[in-house]
């Protein structure tokens, strides 16, 4: 399980049944435009032969739309925050305050909102109101 925050975009944020509508291509474009976000790289082959990539397959276990946030203040630590794309939303598990801040920035760029698993929303007021969500469920 775990506690997840998601970046979502809906036409009606009061409708809990409406799915988020951020496309995978839109998210991949955002990853490509943000120098702090990097798609995970799998094992590298250092062979003295030329191989056809079609014969090799994928070396990364990463799903499409998964990325690491290398701009995190502790990005040199063992645990680098990551984001993943799922069902039209971008999700992060157990985000710290820095990751929540990055999610708010990403949401702004995607004309979206950050919502917690209990229906609460996070915006810039999170940093001025003692670390509480902007709105309760």
C-alpha atoms as a PDB file:
ATOM      1  CA  UNK A   1       0.000   0.000   0.000  1.00  0.00           C
ATOM      2  CA  UNK A   2       1.632   3.203   1.141  1.00  0.00           C
ATOM      3  CA  UNK A   3       0.619   6.820   0.940  1.00  0.00           C
ATOM      4  CA  UNK A   4       0.588   8.310  -2.536  1.00  0.00           C
ATOM      5  CA  UNK A   5       0.217  11.847  -3.834  1.00  0.00           C
ATOM      6  CA  UNK A   6      -0.876  12.294  -7.430  1.00  0.00           C
ATOM      7  CA  UNK A   7      -0.758  15.110  -9.925  1.00  0.00           C
ATOM      8  CA  UNK A   8      -4.169  15.060 -11.565  1.00  0.00           C
ATOM      9  CA  UNK A   9      -6.046  17.154 -14.092  1.00  0.00           C
ATOM     10  CA  UNK A  10      -9.816  17.006 -14.316  1.00  0.00           C
ATOM     11  CA  UNK A  11     -12.568  19.123 -15.763  1.00  0.00           C
ATOM     12  CA  UNK A  12     -14.513  18.867 -12.486  1.00  0.00           C
ATOM     13  CA  UNK A  13     -12.361  18.419  -9.386  1.00  0.00           C
ATOM     14  CA  UNK A  14     -15.484  17.890  -7.273  1.00  0.00           C
ATOM     15  CA  UNK A  15     -16.282  14.719  -9.230  1.00  0.00           C
ATOM     16  CA  UNK A  16     -14.256  11.941  -7.560  1.00  0.00           C
ATOM     17  CA  UNK A  17     -15.266   9.494 -10.301  1.00  0.00           C
ATOM     18  CA  UNK A  18     -13.735  11.566 -13.115  1.00  0.00           C
ATOM     19  CA  UNK A  19     -10.382  10.198 -14.235  1.00  0.00           C
ATOM     20  CA  UNK A  20      -7.321  12.388 -14.586  1.00  0.00           C
ATOM     21  CA  UNK A  21      -6.574  13.348 -18.199  1.00  0.00           C
ATOM     22  CA  UNK A  22      -2.826  13.942 -18.400  1.00  0.00           C
ATOM     23  CA  UNK A  23      -1.583  12.022 -21.429  1.00  0.00           C
ATOM     24  CA  UNK A  24       1.557   9.899 -21.341  1.00  0.00           C
ATOM     25  CA  UNK A  25       3.006  11.912 -24.247  1.00  0.00           C
ATOM     26  CA  UNK A  26       2.354  15.165 -22.398  1.00  0.00           C
ATOM     27  CA  UNK A  27       4.156  13.786 -19.320  1.00  0.00           C
ATOM     28  CA  UNK A  28       7.074  12.470 -21.404  1.00  0.00           C
ATOM     29  CA  UNK A  29       7.391  15.916 -23.023  1.00  0.00           C
ATOM     30  CA  UNK A  30       7.508  17.469 -19.550  1.00  0.00           C
ATOM     31  CA  UNK A  31      10.209  15.017 -18.432  1.00  0.00           C
ATOM     32  CA  UNK A  32      12.256  15.909 -21.515  1.00  0.00           C
ATOM     33  CA  UNK A  33      11.901  19.648 -20.811  1.00  0.00           C
ATOM     34  CA  UNK A  34      12.848  19.451 -17.109  1.00  0.00           C
ATOM     35  CA  UNK A  35      16.600  18.983 -16.589  1.00  0.00           C
ATOM     36  CA  UNK A  36      15.998  17.719 -13.024  1.00  0.00           C
ATOM     37  CA  UNK A  37      13.931  14.730 -14.198  1.00  0.00           C
ATOM     38  CA  UNK A  38      15.662  11.680 -15.639  1.00  0.00           C
ATOM     39  CA  UNK A  39      14.240   8.468 -16.964  1.00  0.00           C
ATOM     40  CA  UNK A  40      15.949   5.502 -15.269  1.00  0.00           C
ATOM     41  CA  UNK A  41      18.698   3.851 -17.249  1.00  0.00           C
ATOM     42  CA  UNK A  42      19.061   0.107 -17.046  1.00  0.00           C
ATOM     43  CA  UNK A  43      22.283  -1.911 -17.206  1.00  0.00           C
ATOM     44  CA  UNK A  44      24.629  -0.926 -19.981  1.00  0.00           C
ATOM     45  CA  UNK A  45      26.367  -3.352 -22.310  1.00  0.00           C
ATOM     46  CA  UNK A  46      30.033  -2.735 -22.962  1.00  0.00           C
ATOM     47  CA  UNK A  47      30.684  -5.372 -25.543  1.00  0.00           C
ATOM     48  CA  UNK A  48      33.169  -5.174 -28.394  1.00  0.00           C
ATOM     49  CA  UNK A  49      30.460  -6.300 -30.814  1.00  0.00           C
ATOM     50  CA  UNK A  50      27.704  -4.422 -32.561  1.00  0.00           C
ATOM     51  CA  UNK A  51      24.281  -5.692 -31.591  1.00  0.00           C
ATOM     52  CA  UNK A  52      20.966  -4.927 -33.182  1.00  0.00           C
ATOM     53  CA  UNK A  53      18.828  -3.206 -30.505  1.00  0.00           C
ATOM     54  CA  UNK A  54      15.828  -5.229 -31.690  1.00  0.00           C
ATOM     55  CA  UNK A  55      17.635  -8.403 -30.644  1.00  0.00           C
ATOM     56  CA  UNK A  56      18.461  -7.072 -27.197  1.00  0.00           C
ATOM     57  CA  UNK A  57      15.139  -5.821 -25.893  1.00  0.00           C
ATOM     58  CA  UNK A  58      14.775  -3.422 -23.004  1.00  0.00           C
ATOM     59  CA  UNK A  59      17.393  -3.333 -20.262  1.00  0.00           C
ATOM     60  CA  UNK A  60      15.425  -1.102 -17.907  1.00  0.00           C
ATOM     61  CA  UNK A  61      12.740  -2.310 -15.536  1.00  0.00           C
ATOM     62  CA  UNK A  62      11.210   1.175 -15.639  1.00  0.00           C
ATOM     63  CA  UNK A  63       7.695   1.619 -16.903  1.00  0.00           C
ATOM     64  CA  UNK A  64       6.945   4.272 -19.542  1.00  0.00           C
ATOM     65  CA  UNK A  65       6.592   7.606 -17.791  1.00  0.00           C
ATOM     66  CA  UNK A  66       8.692   6.687 -14.771  1.00  0.00           C
ATOM     67  CA  UNK A  67      11.430   9.149 -13.840  1.00  0.00           C
ATOM     68  CA  UNK A  68      13.773  10.082 -11.011  1.00  0.00           C
ATOM     69  CA  UNK A  69      13.988  13.575  -9.549  1.00  0.00           C
ATOM     70  CA  UNK A  70      17.705  14.293  -9.541  1.00  0.00           C
ATOM     71  CA  UNK A  71      17.144  17.855  -8.270  1.00  0.00           C
ATOM     72  CA  UNK A  72      16.068  16.689  -4.816  1.00  0.00           C
ATOM     73  CA  UNK A  73      18.300  18.206  -2.091  1.00  0.00           C
ATOM     74  CA  UNK A  74      19.362  14.690  -1.108  1.00  0.00           C
ATOM     75  CA  UNK A  75      19.691  13.291  -4.627  1.00  0.00           C
ATOM     76  CA  UNK A  76      23.106  11.918  -3.696  1.00  0.00           C
ATOM     77  CA  UNK A  77      21.493   9.619  -1.109  1.00  0.00           C
ATOM     78  CA  UNK A  78      20.504   6.027  -1.714  1.00  0.00           C
ATOM     79  CA  UNK A  79      16.865   6.924  -2.155  1.00  0.00           C
ATOM     80  CA  UNK A  80      16.085   9.285  -5.008  1.00  0.00           C
ATOM     81  CA  UNK A  81      12.426  10.334  -5.280  1.00  0.00           C
ATOM     82  CA  UNK A  82      10.708   9.035  -8.356  1.00  0.00           C
ATOM     83  CA  UNK A  83       7.502   9.785 -10.199  1.00  0.00           C
ATOM     84  CA  UNK A  84       5.472   7.346 -12.213  1.00  0.00           C
ATOM     85  CA  UNK A  85       2.702   7.727 -14.731  1.00  0.00           C
ATOM     86  CA  UNK A  86      -0.489   5.807 -14.058  1.00  0.00           C
ATOM     87  CA  UNK A  87      -4.045   6.190 -15.329  1.00  0.00           C
ATOM     88  CA  UNK A  88      -3.627   9.769 -16.533  1.00  0.00           C
ATOM     89  CA  UNK A  89      -1.885  10.948 -13.356  1.00  0.00           C
ATOM     90  CA  UNK A  90       1.679  11.301 -12.051  1.00  0.00           C
ATOM     91  CA  UNK A  91       2.243   9.620  -8.690  1.00  0.00           C
ATOM     92  CA  UNK A  92       4.868   9.673  -5.913  1.00  0.00           C
ATOM     93  CA  UNK A  93       4.928   7.377  -2.886  1.00  0.00           C
ATOM     94  CA  UNK A  94       5.582   8.830   0.586  1.00  0.00           C
ATOM     95  CA  UNK A  95       6.761  12.212  -0.744  1.00  0.00           C
ATOM     96  CA  UNK A  96       8.697  14.468   1.621  1.00  0.00           C
ATOM     97  CA  UNK A  97       8.160  18.244   1.700  1.00  0.00           C
ATOM     98  CA  UNK A  98      10.729  18.806  -1.065  1.00  0.00           C
ATOM     99  CA  UNK A  99       9.016  16.282  -3.333  1.00  0.00           C
ATOM    100  CA  UNK A 100       5.617  17.809  -2.600  1.00  0.00           C
ATOM    101  CA  UNK A 101       7.074  21.175  -3.642  1.00  0.00           C
ATOM    102  CA  UNK A 102       8.337  19.691  -6.913  1.00  0.00           C
ATOM    103  CA  UNK A 103       4.948  18.100  -7.522  1.00  0.00           C
ATOM    104  CA  UNK A 104       3.258  21.483  -7.060  1.00  0.00           C
ATOM    105  CA  UNK A 105       5.635  22.996  -9.642  1.00  0.00           C
ATOM    106  CA  UNK A 106       4.981  20.150 -12.092  1.00  0.00           C
ATOM    107  CA  UNK A 107       1.224  20.433 -11.537  1.00  0.00           C
ATOM    108  CA  UNK A 108       1.346  24.143 -12.301  1.00  0.00           C
ATOM    109  CA  UNK A 109       3.193  23.408 -15.580  1.00  0.00           C
ATOM    110  CA  UNK A 110       0.585  20.796 -16.535  1.00  0.00           C
ATOM    111  CA  UNK A 111      -2.391  22.941 -15.492  1.00  0.00           C
ATOM    112  CA  UNK A 112      -3.190  20.317 -12.872  1.00  0.00           C
ATOM    113  CA  UNK A 113      -3.453  19.860  -9.089  1.00  0.00           C
ATOM    114  CA  UNK A 114      -1.740  17.735  -6.453  1.00  0.00           C
ATOM    115  CA  UNK A 115      -4.140  15.483  -4.566  1.00  0.00           C
ATOM    116  CA  UNK A 116      -3.516  13.096  -1.701  1.00  0.00           C
ATOM    117  CA  UNK A 117      -4.991   9.666  -1.175  1.00  0.00           C
ATOM    118  CA  UNK A 118      -7.575  11.055   1.240  1.00  0.00           C
ATOM    119  CA  UNK A 119      -8.843  13.624  -1.292  1.00  0.00           C
ATOM    120  CA  UNK A 120      -6.902  16.582   0.104  1.00  0.00           C
ATOM    121  CA  UNK A 121      -5.203  19.071  -2.226  1.00  0.00           C
ATOM    122  CA  UNK A 122      -1.732  20.589  -1.938  1.00  0.00           C
ATOM    123  CA  UNK A 123      -0.658  23.969  -3.283  1.00  0.00           C
ATOM    124  CA  UNK A 124       1.860  26.687  -2.353  1.00  0.00           C
ATOM    125  CA  UNK A 125      -0.007  27.312   0.922  1.00  0.00           C
ATOM    126  CA  UNK A 126       1.391  23.966   2.139  1.00  0.00           C
ATOM    127  CA  UNK A 127       4.637  25.809   2.927  1.00  0.00           C
ATOM    128  CA  UNK A 128       3.005  28.725   4.718  1.00  0.00           C
ATOM    129  CA  UNK A 129       0.327  26.977   6.770  1.00  0.00           C
ATOM    130  CA  UNK A 130       2.474  24.601   8.812  1.00  0.00           C
ATOM    131  CA  UNK A 131       2.651  21.769   6.293  1.00  0.00           C
ATOM    132  CA  UNK A 132      -1.063  21.076   6.046  1.00  0.00           C
ATOM    133  CA  UNK A 133      -2.925  20.406   2.788  1.00  0.00           C
ATOM    134  CA  UNK A 134      -4.734  23.350   1.224  1.00  0.00           C
ATOM    135  CA  UNK A 135      -8.133  21.705   1.525  1.00  0.00           C
ATOM    136  CA  UNK A 136      -9.443  18.832   3.569  1.00  0.00           C
ATOM    137  CA  UNK A 137     -11.328  15.970   1.946  1.00  0.00           C
END
